[in-house]
Amino acid sequence: MKWLLAILTVMLLVSQYRLWVGEGSFADVTRLERQLEEQQRKNAALERENRHLLREVRSLKEGTDGVEAKARYDLGLIKEGETLFIFLDQDEHKSPARSQREKQ
């Protein structure tokens, strides 16, 4: 009778091992669910980026306005007769000697 009880106890422990520790356990399922949620967030962000790029491609294909805007923004191009003004922050463009005097 003691042997039967020992065998049944061992079988119970072995069957519970997979439920708590092994593949498909509660911890494993929870980890996989977290990975799935993270991947779904990444996929949603990539889908938003793809939609934005698709709109940009369509804009560039359909007319010159998109090409002109892209050239102005990315390359800093201006039309003939336009004047380009560039405003610089005074703090960023001080002379090195003046900056050293202010630090002292």
C-alpha atoms as a PDB file:
ATOM      1  CA  MET A   1       0.000   0.000   0.000  1.00  0.00           C
ATOM      2  CA  LYS A   2       2.907   2.360   0.756  1.00  0.00           C
ATOM      3  CA  TRP A   3       4.347   1.675  -2.694  1.00  0.00           C
ATOM      4  CA  LEU A   4       1.070   2.467  -4.380  1.00  0.00           C
ATOM      5  CA  LEU A   5       0.796   5.742  -2.466  1.00  0.00           C
ATOM      6  CA  ALA A   6       4.414   6.612  -3.355  1.00  0.00           C
ATOM      7  CA  ILE A   7       3.856   5.823  -7.045  1.00  0.00           C
ATOM      8  CA  LEU A   8       0.652   7.875  -7.155  1.00  0.00           C
ATOM      9  CA  THR A   9       2.397  10.794  -5.440  1.00  0.00           C
ATOM     10  CA  VAL A  10       5.262  10.696  -7.939  1.00  0.00           C
ATOM     11  CA  MET A  11       2.797  10.541 -10.858  1.00  0.00           C
ATOM     12  CA  LEU A  12       0.894  13.506  -9.459  1.00  0.00           C
ATOM     13  CA  LEU A  13       4.092  15.533  -9.096  1.00  0.00           C
ATOM     14  CA  VAL A  14       5.228  14.652 -12.618  1.00  0.00           C
ATOM     15  CA  SER A  15       1.860  15.629 -14.103  1.00  0.00           C
ATOM     16  CA  GLN A  16       1.886  18.930 -12.182  1.00  0.00           C
ATOM     17  CA  TYR A  17       5.425  19.772 -13.302  1.00  0.00           C
ATOM     18  CA  ARG A  18       4.336  20.689 -16.815  1.00  0.00           C
ATOM     19  CA  LEU A  19       1.439  22.780 -15.512  1.00  0.00           C
ATOM     20  CA  TRP A  20       3.663  24.935 -13.299  1.00  0.00           C
ATOM     21  CA  VAL A  21       7.160  24.793 -14.798  1.00  0.00           C
ATOM     22  CA  GLY A  22       7.369  23.132 -18.217  1.00  0.00           C
ATOM     23  CA  GLU A  23       6.362  24.143 -21.695  1.00  0.00           C
ATOM     24  CA  GLY A  24       2.810  25.465 -21.765  1.00  0.00           C
ATOM     25  CA  SER A  25       2.885  26.325 -18.058  1.00  0.00           C
ATOM     26  CA  PHE A  26       1.090  29.327 -16.597  1.00  0.00           C
ATOM     27  CA  ALA A  27       4.343  31.303 -16.515  1.00  0.00           C
ATOM     28  CA  ASP A  28       5.127  30.368 -20.121  1.00  0.00           C
ATOM     29  CA  VAL A  29       1.669  31.385 -21.312  1.00  0.00           C
ATOM     30  CA  THR A  30       1.907  34.723 -19.474  1.00  0.00           C
ATOM     31  CA  ARG A  31       5.325  35.405 -21.008  1.00  0.00           C
ATOM     32  CA  LEU A  32       4.027  34.591 -24.484  1.00  0.00           C
ATOM     33  CA  GLU A  33       0.999  36.856 -23.993  1.00  0.00           C
ATOM     34  CA  ARG A  34       3.298  39.754 -23.041  1.00  0.00           C
ATOM     35  CA  GLN A  35       5.421  39.108 -26.118  1.00  0.00           C
ATOM     36  CA  LEU A  36       2.299  39.039 -28.270  1.00  0.00           C
ATOM     37  CA  GLU A  37       1.080  42.387 -26.879  1.00  0.00           C
ATOM     38  CA  GLU A  38       4.495  43.964 -27.456  1.00  0.00           C
ATOM     39  CA  GLN A  39       4.605  42.661 -31.023  1.00  0.00           C
ATOM     40  CA  GLN A  40       1.093  43.968 -31.669  1.00  0.00           C
ATOM     41  CA  ARG A  41       2.185  47.434 -30.463  1.00  0.00           C
ATOM     42  CA  LYS A  42       5.205  47.326 -32.770  1.00  0.00           C
ATOM     43  CA  ASN A  43       3.030  46.206 -35.678  1.00  0.00           C
ATOM     44  CA  ALA A  44       0.562  49.052 -35.076  1.00  0.00           C
ATOM     45  CA  ALA A  45       3.414  51.593 -35.063  1.00  0.00           C
ATOM     46  CA  LEU A  46       4.812  50.151 -38.287  1.00  0.00           C
ATOM     47  CA  GLU A  47       1.368  50.228 -39.900  1.00  0.00           C
ATOM     48  CA  ARG A  48       1.031  53.939 -39.007  1.00  0.00           C
ATOM     49  CA  GLU A  49       4.460  54.618 -40.496  1.00  0.00           C
ATOM     50  CA  ASN A  50       3.571  52.657 -43.641  1.00  0.00           C
ATOM     51  CA  ARG A  51       0.351  54.659 -44.076  1.00  0.00           C
ATOM     52  CA  HIS A  52       2.301  57.900 -43.699  1.00  0.00           C
ATOM     53  CA  LEU A  53       4.893  56.781 -46.271  1.00  0.00           C
ATOM     54  CA  LEU A  54       2.142  55.662 -48.659  1.00  0.00           C
ATOM     55  CA  ARG A  55       0.508  59.111 -48.428  1.00  0.00           C
ATOM     56  CA  GLU A  56       3.896  60.713 -49.114  1.00  0.00           C
ATOM     57  CA  VAL A  57       4.521  58.464 -52.135  1.00  0.00           C
ATOM     58  CA  ARG A  58       1.072  59.249 -53.557  1.00  0.00           C
ATOM     59  CA  SER A  59       1.674  62.963 -53.032  1.00  0.00           C
ATOM     60  CA  LEU A  60       4.999  62.767 -54.849  1.00  0.00           C
ATOM     61  CA  LYS A  61       3.474  60.785 -57.748  1.00  0.00           C
ATOM     62  CA  GLU A  62       0.371  62.917 -58.232  1.00  0.00           C
ATOM     63  CA  GLY A  63       1.824  66.382 -58.673  1.00  0.00           C
ATOM     64  CA  THR A  64       4.693  68.761 -58.364  1.00  0.00           C
ATOM     65  CA  ASP A  65       3.495  70.222 -55.063  1.00  0.00           C
ATOM     66  CA  GLY A  66       4.713  67.194 -53.129  1.00  0.00           C
ATOM     67  CA  VAL A  67       8.059  67.168 -54.905  1.00  0.00           C
ATOM     68  CA  GLU A  68       8.489  70.899 -54.304  1.00  0.00           C
ATOM     69  CA  ALA A  69       7.624  70.608 -50.614  1.00  0.00           C
ATOM     70  CA  LYS A  70      10.016  67.677 -50.195  1.00  0.00           C
ATOM     71  CA  ALA A  71      12.835  69.573 -51.947  1.00  0.00           C
ATOM     72  CA  ARG A  72      12.237  72.679 -49.839  1.00  0.00           C
ATOM     73  CA  TYR A  73      12.151  70.783 -46.569  1.00  0.00           C
ATOM     74  CA  ASP A  74      14.893  68.200 -47.148  1.00  0.00           C
ATOM     75  CA  LEU A  75      17.257  70.124 -49.412  1.00  0.00           C
ATOM     76  CA  GLY A  76      16.533  73.743 -48.453  1.00  0.00           C
ATOM     77  CA  LEU A  77      15.770  74.740 -52.038  1.00  0.00           C
ATOM     78  CA  ILE A  78      14.163  78.088 -52.834  1.00  0.00           C
ATOM     79  CA  LYS A  79      12.447  79.445 -55.954  1.00  0.00           C
ATOM     80  CA  GLU A  80      13.900  82.141 -58.135  1.00  0.00           C
ATOM     81  CA  GLY A  81      13.060  85.537 -56.705  1.00  0.00           C
ATOM     82  CA  GLU A  82      12.548  84.239 -53.155  1.00  0.00           C
ATOM     83  CA  THR A  83      14.708  85.348 -50.256  1.00  0.00           C
ATOM     84  CA  LEU A  84      15.850  82.868 -47.650  1.00  0.00           C
ATOM     85  CA  PHE A  85      16.140  84.048 -44.063  1.00  0.00           C
ATOM     86  CA  ILE A  86      17.930  81.928 -41.469  1.00  0.00           C
ATOM     87  CA  PHE A  87      17.540  82.894 -37.816  1.00  0.00           C
ATOM     88  CA  LEU A  88      20.171  81.658 -35.394  1.00  0.00           C
ATOM     89  CA  ASP A  89      19.978  81.552 -31.613  1.00  0.00           C
ATOM     90  CA  GLN A  90      22.397  84.020 -30.077  1.00  0.00           C
ATOM     91  CA  ASP A  91      23.353  81.594 -27.288  1.00  0.00           C
ATOM     92  CA  GLU A  92      24.526  78.921 -29.720  1.00  0.00           C
ATOM     93  CA  HIS A  93      26.765  81.166 -31.817  1.00  0.00           C
ATOM     94  CA  LYS A  94      28.875  83.164 -29.367  1.00  0.00           C
ATOM     95  CA  SER A  95      32.556  83.546 -30.037  1.00  0.00           C
ATOM     96  CA  PRO A  96      34.758  81.088 -28.077  1.00  0.00           C
ATOM     97  CA  ALA A  97      36.648  83.904 -26.311  1.00  0.00           C
ATOM     98  CA  ARG A  98      33.429  85.565 -25.216  1.00  0.00           C
ATOM     99  CA  SER A  99      32.000  82.235 -24.010  1.00  0.00           C
ATOM    100  CA  GLN A 100      35.110  81.603 -21.899  1.00  0.00           C
ATOM    101  CA  ARG A 101      34.927  85.070 -20.324  1.00  0.00           C
ATOM    102  CA  GLU A 102      31.279  84.507 -19.386  1.00  0.00           C
ATOM    103  CA  LYS A 103      32.112  81.202 -17.700  1.00  0.00           C
ATOM    104  CA  GLN A 104      34.684  82.894 -15.428  1.00  0.00           C
END
